[in-house]
Amino acid sequence: MNDMRPGDEAELSEAIRAASGPLRVRGGGTRGAAREGAVLETAGLAGIRLYEPGALTLVAGAGTPLAEIDAALAAEGQRLPFEVPDLRAVLGRAGVSTLGGVVAENAAGPRRVAVGAARDFCLGLRMVDGRGTVIRNGGRVMKNVTGYDLVKLMAGSRGQLGVLTEVALKVLPRPEAEATLCLPGLDDARAVAAMSAALGSPWEVTGAAHLLGRGTYLRVEGFEGSVRYRAGRLRDLLAGFGSAAEVASPWSAIRDVTPLAEVPGDLWRLHLVPSEAAAVVARLGAEAAVYDWGGGLVWLRMAPGVDLRARAGAFRGHATCLSRPDAVPESPEIARLTAGLRAQFDPRGLFSDPAGA
């Protein structure tokens, strides 16, 4: 079957109703793994439909390239607050990141420790489910025909319940200033302790990351005078961990995990209890690692084919292999919950596999 590229929501609904087998939803092709099924592209569902800078609100089609949204916001001194990662280099992908893919992945970069992820800024959305039914939830229409909070449910669903067609977002002003402090020479455990101290302080840290062999980085943002004051107080707070120096911003590299781009092996993403992160990483013997979110998120390169859970032993958290999406099966509890949701939204099983984003 040829690729399908509906030009609007009505055409998408018709294509889904007419489908006789699995569908592989493709936005920009930057995130999800290739799956079996007829390709259903969302590029035709693009364009900014509403942007009100004074109301900090933007509504756009799910196929809208993220670069178009970023440019429109930048022209008004605004931004998406959740700092979307660009994983193309580390995953060896091409393509263009789209708004639908970002929301479907519930994407978030280093700033998540301060503001949250994509779902926390979704005001509303439109989608087409596996029956071909158009569903609207939140935002301007405030209609919830299913009884679910679809805004929260669809953000992170990875296209397994239906196809996003439109998203309404809250945006925020860009800060006037930014400062990054670096603590050199800390081992992983001390780095996590330093990041925890910083994040637990009143100095409003918006980034806390650790790069092995490079340093431990902490960011503050806001008005110039406030940033200078808070950076100074944060430096004093961290004196017990070493002398923190202000450095050029490393956050795009941390956000996009570029230190791992040239390291061979499988790419793993671990969500961990920060206080346990260093011990888990030590047991794994990774080829390379990047700590983000104060140790709550760890990116790893592992030798190809390694069973990470068998090597790590029991730990509190969740592991995903982006190189081999089926490497870690869902737990029975999650599988039952997912099956129930799919029965409601996709009874024919058209979207069973995670979608490309």
Protein backbone atom coordinates (compact mmCIF):
# COMPACT_ATOMS: atom_id res chain seq x y z
CA MET A 1 0.00 0.00 0.00
CA ASN A 2 1.26 3.48 -0.83
CA ASP A 3 1.99 5.92 1.95
CA MET A 4 -1.05 7.89 3.05
CA ARG A 5 -0.76 11.62 3.65
CA PRO A 6 -4.12 13.09 4.64
CA GLY A 7 -4.41 16.82 4.15
CA ASP A 8 -6.82 17.47 6.99
CA GLU A 9 -8.56 15.83 9.91
CA ALA A 10 -11.51 14.63 7.84
CA GLU A 11 -9.22 12.81 5.39
CA LEU A 12 -7.32 11.28 8.30
CA SER A 13 -10.55 10.05 9.87
CA GLU A 14 -11.61 8.50 6.56
CA ALA A 15 -8.23 6.79 6.08
CA ILE A 16 -8.36 5.24 9.54
CA ARG A 17 -11.94 4.02 9.08
CA ALA A 18 -10.95 2.43 5.77
CA ALA A 19 -7.80 0.75 7.12
CA SER A 20 -7.79 -3.04 7.04
CA GLY A 21 -4.50 -3.64 8.81
CA PRO A 22 -1.83 -2.07 11.03
CA LEU A 23 -0.92 1.56 10.51
CA ARG A 24 2.48 3.09 11.11
CA VAL A 25 2.07 6.75 12.01
CA ARG A 26 4.98 8.88 10.86
CA GLY A 27 5.57 12.50 11.72
CA GLY A 28 9.13 13.64 11.11
CA GLY A 29 10.69 10.20 11.59
CA THR A 30 13.15 11.39 14.24
CA ARG A 31 12.19 9.31 17.29
CA GLY A 32 10.17 6.12 16.94
CA ALA A 33 11.40 2.78 15.63
CA ALA A 34 10.34 1.42 12.25
CA ARG A 35 7.34 -0.92 12.50
CA GLU A 36 5.23 -3.02 10.19
CA GLY A 37 2.15 -1.48 8.64
CA ALA A 38 0.94 1.01 6.08
CA VAL A 39 2.56 4.42 6.60
CA LEU A 40 0.21 7.20 7.67
CA GLU A 41 2.00 10.55 7.48
CA THR A 42 0.96 13.58 9.51
CA ALA A 43 2.89 16.18 7.51
CA GLY A 44 -0.33 17.36 5.89
CA LEU A 45 -1.73 18.26 9.31
CA ALA A 46 0.65 21.18 9.71
CA GLY A 47 0.52 24.88 10.40
CA ILE A 48 0.13 27.30 13.30
CA ARG A 49 -3.63 27.89 13.66
CA LEU A 50 -3.57 30.37 16.53
CA TYR A 51 -0.83 32.26 18.34
CA GLU A 52 -1.62 34.86 20.98
CA PRO A 53 1.66 36.02 22.56
CA GLY A 54 -0.17 38.13 25.13
CA ALA A 55 -2.14 35.09 26.29
CA LEU A 56 0.95 32.82 26.12
CA THR A 57 -1.06 30.42 23.94
CA LEU A 58 -0.25 28.62 20.68
CA VAL A 59 -2.35 26.13 18.70
CA ALA A 60 -0.81 24.17 15.84
CA GLY A 61 -1.36 21.08 13.74
CA ALA A 62 0.39 17.93 14.90
CA GLY A 63 2.50 17.76 11.74
CA THR A 64 3.94 21.24 12.22
CA PRO A 65 7.76 21.16 12.26
CA LEU A 66 9.10 22.11 15.65
CA ALA A 67 11.52 24.54 14.00
CA GLU A 68 8.56 26.54 12.64
CA ILE A 69 7.06 26.80 16.12
CA ASP A 70 10.39 27.75 17.69
CA ALA A 71 10.89 30.49 15.11
CA ALA A 72 7.44 31.97 15.67
CA LEU A 73 7.94 31.98 19.43
CA ALA A 74 11.45 33.41 19.23
CA ALA A 75 10.17 36.35 17.19
CA GLU A 76 8.02 37.28 20.21
CA GLY A 77 10.69 36.57 22.82
CA GLN A 78 8.99 33.35 23.90
CA ARG A 79 9.74 29.62 23.90
CA LEU A 80 8.46 26.14 24.65
CA PRO A 81 9.40 25.81 28.32
CA PHE A 82 10.14 22.08 28.36
CA GLU A 83 13.32 22.23 26.26
CA VAL A 84 12.67 19.60 23.59
CA PRO A 85 15.60 17.18 23.01
CA ASP A 86 16.86 16.69 19.46
CA LEU A 87 17.97 13.05 19.43
CA ARG A 88 18.77 12.75 15.74
CA ALA A 89 22.54 12.72 16.20
CA VAL A 90 22.62 10.21 19.04
CA LEU A 91 20.13 7.92 17.28
CA GLY A 92 21.66 8.34 13.83
CA ARG A 93 18.39 9.62 12.38
CA ALA A 94 17.42 12.26 9.87
CA GLY A 95 14.00 13.84 9.51
CA VAL A 96 12.32 16.85 11.09
CA SER A 97 10.88 16.88 14.60
CA THR A 98 7.15 17.66 14.68
CA LEU A 99 4.82 18.93 17.38
CA GLY A 100 2.77 15.73 17.39
CA GLY A 101 5.86 13.60 17.87
CA VAL A 102 7.07 15.78 20.72
CA VAL A 103 3.74 15.49 22.55
CA ALA A 104 3.36 11.78 21.76
CA GLU A 105 6.74 11.21 23.43
CA ASN A 106 6.00 13.66 26.27
CA ALA A 107 9.44 15.02 25.48
CA ALA A 108 11.43 17.13 27.90
CA GLY A 109 15.03 18.21 28.32
CA PRO A 110 17.06 19.44 31.30
CA ARG A 111 14.51 22.07 32.32
CA ARG A 112 12.03 19.37 33.33
CA VAL A 113 13.40 19.49 36.89
CA ALA A 114 11.99 23.02 37.17
CA VAL A 115 8.94 23.25 34.91
CA GLY A 116 7.82 19.77 33.89
CA ALA A 117 7.43 17.97 30.56
CA ALA A 118 5.36 18.51 27.42
CA ARG A 119 2.12 17.27 29.00
CA ASP A 120 2.35 19.95 31.68
CA PHE A 121 2.00 22.65 28.99
CA CYS A 122 -0.69 21.00 26.86
CA LEU A 123 -3.92 22.97 27.20
CA GLY A 124 -5.92 20.84 24.81
CA LEU A 125 -5.76 18.57 21.79
CA ARG A 126 -7.62 16.96 18.94
CA MET A 127 -7.10 13.36 17.85
CA VAL A 128 -8.58 10.60 15.72
CA ASP A 129 -8.92 7.22 17.42
CA GLY A 130 -8.78 3.71 15.95
CA ARG A 131 -12.43 3.86 14.93
CA GLY A 132 -11.85 7.02 12.92
CA THR A 133 -13.68 9.15 15.50
CA VAL A 134 -12.53 12.72 16.03
CA ILE A 135 -12.09 13.45 19.74
CA ARG A 136 -11.51 16.89 21.28
CA ASN A 137 -10.34 17.47 24.81
CA GLY A 138 -9.33 20.48 26.89
CA GLY A 139 -8.26 23.88 25.68
CA ARG A 140 -10.66 25.93 23.60
CA VAL A 141 -13.37 23.27 23.25
CA MET A 142 -13.46 21.80 26.76
CA LYS A 143 -15.23 18.69 25.53
CA ASN A 144 -14.32 15.27 26.91
CA VAL A 145 -16.40 12.65 25.18
CA THR A 146 -14.57 9.65 26.57
CA GLY A 147 -14.40 10.35 30.29
CA TYR A 148 -10.57 10.38 30.16
CA ASP A 149 -8.21 13.32 30.55
CA LEU A 150 -6.90 12.92 27.02
CA VAL A 151 -4.40 15.73 27.36
CA LYS A 152 -2.52 13.75 29.99
CA LEU A 153 -3.23 10.36 28.42
CA MET A 154 -2.06 11.13 24.89
CA ALA A 155 1.12 12.90 25.99
CA GLY A 156 3.51 9.98 26.23
CA SER A 157 1.24 7.44 24.51
CA ARG A 158 3.65 7.22 21.54
CA GLY A 159 0.79 6.99 19.06
CA GLN A 160 -0.59 3.73 20.44
CA LEU A 161 -4.13 5.07 21.03
CA GLY A 162 -4.72 7.22 17.97
CA VAL A 163 -3.33 10.05 15.88
CA LEU A 164 -2.92 13.57 17.22
CA THR A 165 -4.16 16.21 14.80
CA GLU A 166 -3.90 19.48 16.78
CA VAL A 167 -2.32 20.62 20.04
CA ALA A 168 -2.89 23.75 22.13
CA LEU A 169 0.10 24.77 24.24
CA LYS A 170 1.00 27.22 26.93
CA VAL A 171 4.29 28.99 26.19
CA LEU A 172 6.51 31.20 28.35
CA PRO A 173 8.81 34.21 27.88
CA ARG A 174 12.49 33.63 27.29
CA PRO A 175 14.54 34.60 30.36
CA GLU A 176 16.66 37.71 30.27
CA ALA A 177 19.81 35.93 31.50
CA GLU A 178 21.30 32.52 32.21
CA ALA A 179 24.30 31.36 34.23
CA THR A 180 25.85 27.90 34.45
CA LEU A 181 28.16 26.78 37.23
CA CYS A 182 30.48 23.81 36.80
CA LEU A 183 31.96 21.66 39.58
CA PRO A 184 34.92 19.70 38.19
CA GLY A 185 36.25 16.32 39.25
CA LEU A 186 33.29 14.85 41.15
CA ASP A 187 32.64 11.13 40.99
CA ASP A 188 29.10 10.06 40.16
CA ALA A 189 27.86 9.72 43.72
CA ARG A 190 29.26 13.10 44.81
CA ALA A 191 27.88 14.69 41.66
CA VAL A 192 24.38 13.43 42.43
CA ALA A 193 24.72 14.71 45.98
CA ALA A 194 25.76 18.15 44.71
CA MET A 195 22.89 18.25 42.22
CA SER A 196 20.42 17.22 44.92
CA ALA A 197 21.68 19.99 47.20
CA ALA A 198 21.31 22.54 44.43
CA LEU A 199 17.82 21.40 43.43
CA GLY A 200 16.73 21.42 47.05
CA SER A 201 17.91 24.98 47.54
CA PRO A 202 15.76 28.11 47.16
CA TRP A 203 17.87 29.34 44.22
CA GLU A 204 15.55 28.03 41.48
CA VAL A 205 17.92 25.76 39.57
CA THR A 206 16.61 24.96 36.08
CA GLY A 207 19.23 22.42 35.04
CA ALA A 208 21.34 19.85 36.92
CA ALA A 209 23.49 17.44 34.90
CA HIS A 210 26.70 15.45 35.21
CA LEU A 211 29.00 14.44 32.36
CA LEU A 212 31.57 11.82 33.28
CA GLY A 213 35.06 13.25 33.07
CA ARG A 214 33.78 16.73 32.21
CA GLY A 215 31.98 18.19 35.18
CA THR A 216 28.75 18.70 37.06
CA TYR A 217 26.62 21.54 35.69
CA LEU A 218 23.97 23.67 37.36
CA ARG A 219 21.88 26.38 35.70
CA VAL A 220 19.90 29.37 36.90
CA GLU A 221 17.77 31.61 34.66
CA GLY A 222 15.73 34.78 34.99
CA PHE A 223 16.30 38.53 35.24
CA GLU A 224 19.95 39.58 35.13
CA GLY A 225 20.19 40.84 38.71
CA SER A 226 18.40 37.82 40.10
CA VAL A 227 20.59 35.40 38.15
CA ARG A 228 23.80 37.05 39.41
CA TYR A 229 22.58 36.93 43.00
CA ARG A 230 21.32 33.34 42.86
CA ALA A 231 24.43 32.06 41.07
CA GLY A 232 26.57 33.58 43.83
CA ARG A 233 24.50 32.04 46.58
CA LEU A 234 24.50 28.69 44.79
CA ARG A 235 28.30 28.83 44.53
CA ASP A 236 28.48 29.39 48.29
CA LEU A 237 26.08 26.52 48.95
CA LEU A 238 28.20 24.12 46.91
CA ALA A 239 31.57 25.10 48.41
CA GLY A 240 31.81 21.74 50.16
CA PHE A 241 31.85 20.01 46.76
CA GLY A 242 34.61 22.16 45.30
CA SER A 243 35.08 25.50 43.61
CA ALA A 244 32.24 26.13 41.14
CA ALA A 245 33.23 28.23 38.13
CA GLU A 246 30.87 29.89 35.67
CA VAL A 247 31.18 28.37 32.20
CA ALA A 248 29.68 28.71 28.74
CA SER A 249 26.31 27.02 28.34
CA PRO A 250 26.58 23.25 27.76
CA TRP A 251 22.81 22.70 27.79
CA SER A 252 22.14 22.05 24.13
CA ALA A 253 24.69 19.22 24.24
CA ILE A 254 23.20 17.85 27.46
CA ARG A 255 19.65 18.19 26.11
CA ASP A 256 20.53 16.35 22.88
CA VAL A 257 22.85 13.79 24.58
CA THR A 258 25.54 14.64 22.04
CA PRO A 259 28.41 13.31 24.25
CA LEU A 260 27.08 9.82 23.42
CA ALA A 261 26.69 10.42 19.68
CA GLU A 262 30.15 9.12 18.79
CA VAL A 263 30.13 6.23 21.28
CA PRO A 264 29.10 2.87 19.77
CA GLY A 265 26.55 0.57 21.35
CA ASP A 266 22.89 0.47 22.29
CA LEU A 267 21.34 3.67 23.64
CA TRP A 268 19.45 3.25 26.92
CA ARG A 269 17.34 5.74 28.87
CA LEU A 270 16.90 5.08 32.58
CA HIS A 271 14.50 6.84 34.92
CA LEU A 272 15.87 6.31 38.41
CA VAL A 273 15.66 7.41 42.01
CA PRO A 274 18.50 9.97 41.99
CA SER A 275 20.07 8.70 45.22
CA GLU A 276 20.42 5.25 43.63
CA ALA A 277 21.57 6.35 40.18
CA ALA A 278 25.34 6.17 40.73
CA ALA A 279 25.16 2.66 42.19
CA VAL A 280 23.01 1.38 39.31
CA VAL A 281 25.34 2.88 36.69
CA ALA A 282 28.37 1.39 38.46
CA ARG A 283 26.85 -2.10 38.31
CA LEU A 284 26.10 -1.74 34.61
CA GLY A 285 29.63 -0.97 33.43
CA ALA A 286 28.34 1.32 30.67
CA GLU A 287 30.51 2.47 27.79
CA ALA A 288 29.48 6.08 28.55
CA ALA A 289 26.80 7.91 30.55
CA VAL A 290 25.09 11.28 30.86
CA TYR A 291 23.22 12.17 34.06
CA ASP A 292 20.36 14.67 33.77
CA TRP A 293 17.46 15.80 35.98
CA GLY A 294 19.74 15.70 39.02
CA GLY A 295 20.29 11.96 38.46
CA GLY A 296 16.64 11.13 37.81
CA LEU A 297 17.42 10.53 34.13
CA VAL A 298 20.51 8.68 32.94
CA TRP A 299 21.44 8.08 29.32
CA LEU A 300 23.77 5.13 28.72
CA ARG A 301 25.66 3.51 25.89
CA MET A 302 25.86 -0.24 26.48
CA ALA A 303 27.58 -2.92 24.46
CA PRO A 304 25.19 -4.19 21.77
CA GLY A 305 22.74 -6.84 22.94
CA VAL A 306 23.41 -6.50 26.66
CA ASP A 307 20.49 -7.44 28.93
CA LEU A 308 20.61 -4.31 31.06
CA ARG A 309 18.14 -5.50 33.70
CA ALA A 310 19.99 -8.76 34.24
CA ARG A 311 23.26 -6.90 34.75
CA ALA A 312 21.80 -4.11 36.92
CA GLY A 313 19.80 -6.31 39.27
CA ALA A 314 16.75 -4.92 41.02
CA PHE A 315 16.35 -1.16 41.02
CA ARG A 316 13.55 1.33 41.40
CA GLY A 317 12.89 2.88 38.05
CA HIS A 318 12.31 2.16 34.39
CA ALA A 319 14.66 1.34 31.50
CA THR A 320 14.05 1.84 27.79
CA CYS A 321 16.38 0.81 24.98
CA LEU A 322 15.97 3.28 22.13
CA SER A 323 18.14 1.11 19.86
CA ARG A 324 16.03 -2.00 20.55
CA PRO A 325 12.53 -0.93 21.63
CA ASP A 326 11.45 -4.48 22.47
CA ALA A 327 14.45 -5.15 24.72
CA VAL A 328 12.44 -4.43 27.88
CA PRO A 329 8.88 -5.82 27.81
CA GLU A 330 6.10 -4.09 29.71
CA SER A 331 5.45 -5.32 33.21
CA PRO A 332 2.25 -7.40 33.56
CA GLU A 333 0.57 -4.55 35.45
CA ILE A 334 1.37 -1.96 32.80
CA ALA A 335 0.47 -4.40 30.02
CA ARG A 336 -3.00 -4.92 31.50
CA LEU A 337 -3.56 -1.18 31.83
CA THR A 338 -2.34 -0.57 28.28
CA ALA A 339 -4.55 -3.34 26.90
CA GLY A 340 -7.60 -1.79 28.56
CA LEU A 341 -6.87 1.62 27.07
CA ARG A 342 -6.26 0.16 23.63
CA ALA A 343 -9.57 -1.68 23.79
CA GLN A 344 -11.28 1.66 24.34
CA PHE A 345 -9.42 3.75 21.78
CA ASP A 346 -8.13 1.25 19.21
CA PRO A 347 -10.28 -1.90 19.29
CA ARG A 348 -9.00 -3.07 15.88
CA GLY A 349 -5.35 -2.85 16.96
CA LEU A 350 -4.31 -0.46 14.20
CA PHE A 351 -1.79 1.41 16.35
CA SER A 352 -0.43 -1.38 18.54
CA ASP A 353 3.18 -0.53 17.84
CA PRO A 354 4.82 2.74 18.98
CA ALA A 355 4.66 5.35 16.29
CA GLY A 356 7.45 7.24 14.63
CA ALA A 357 7.73 10.81 15.79
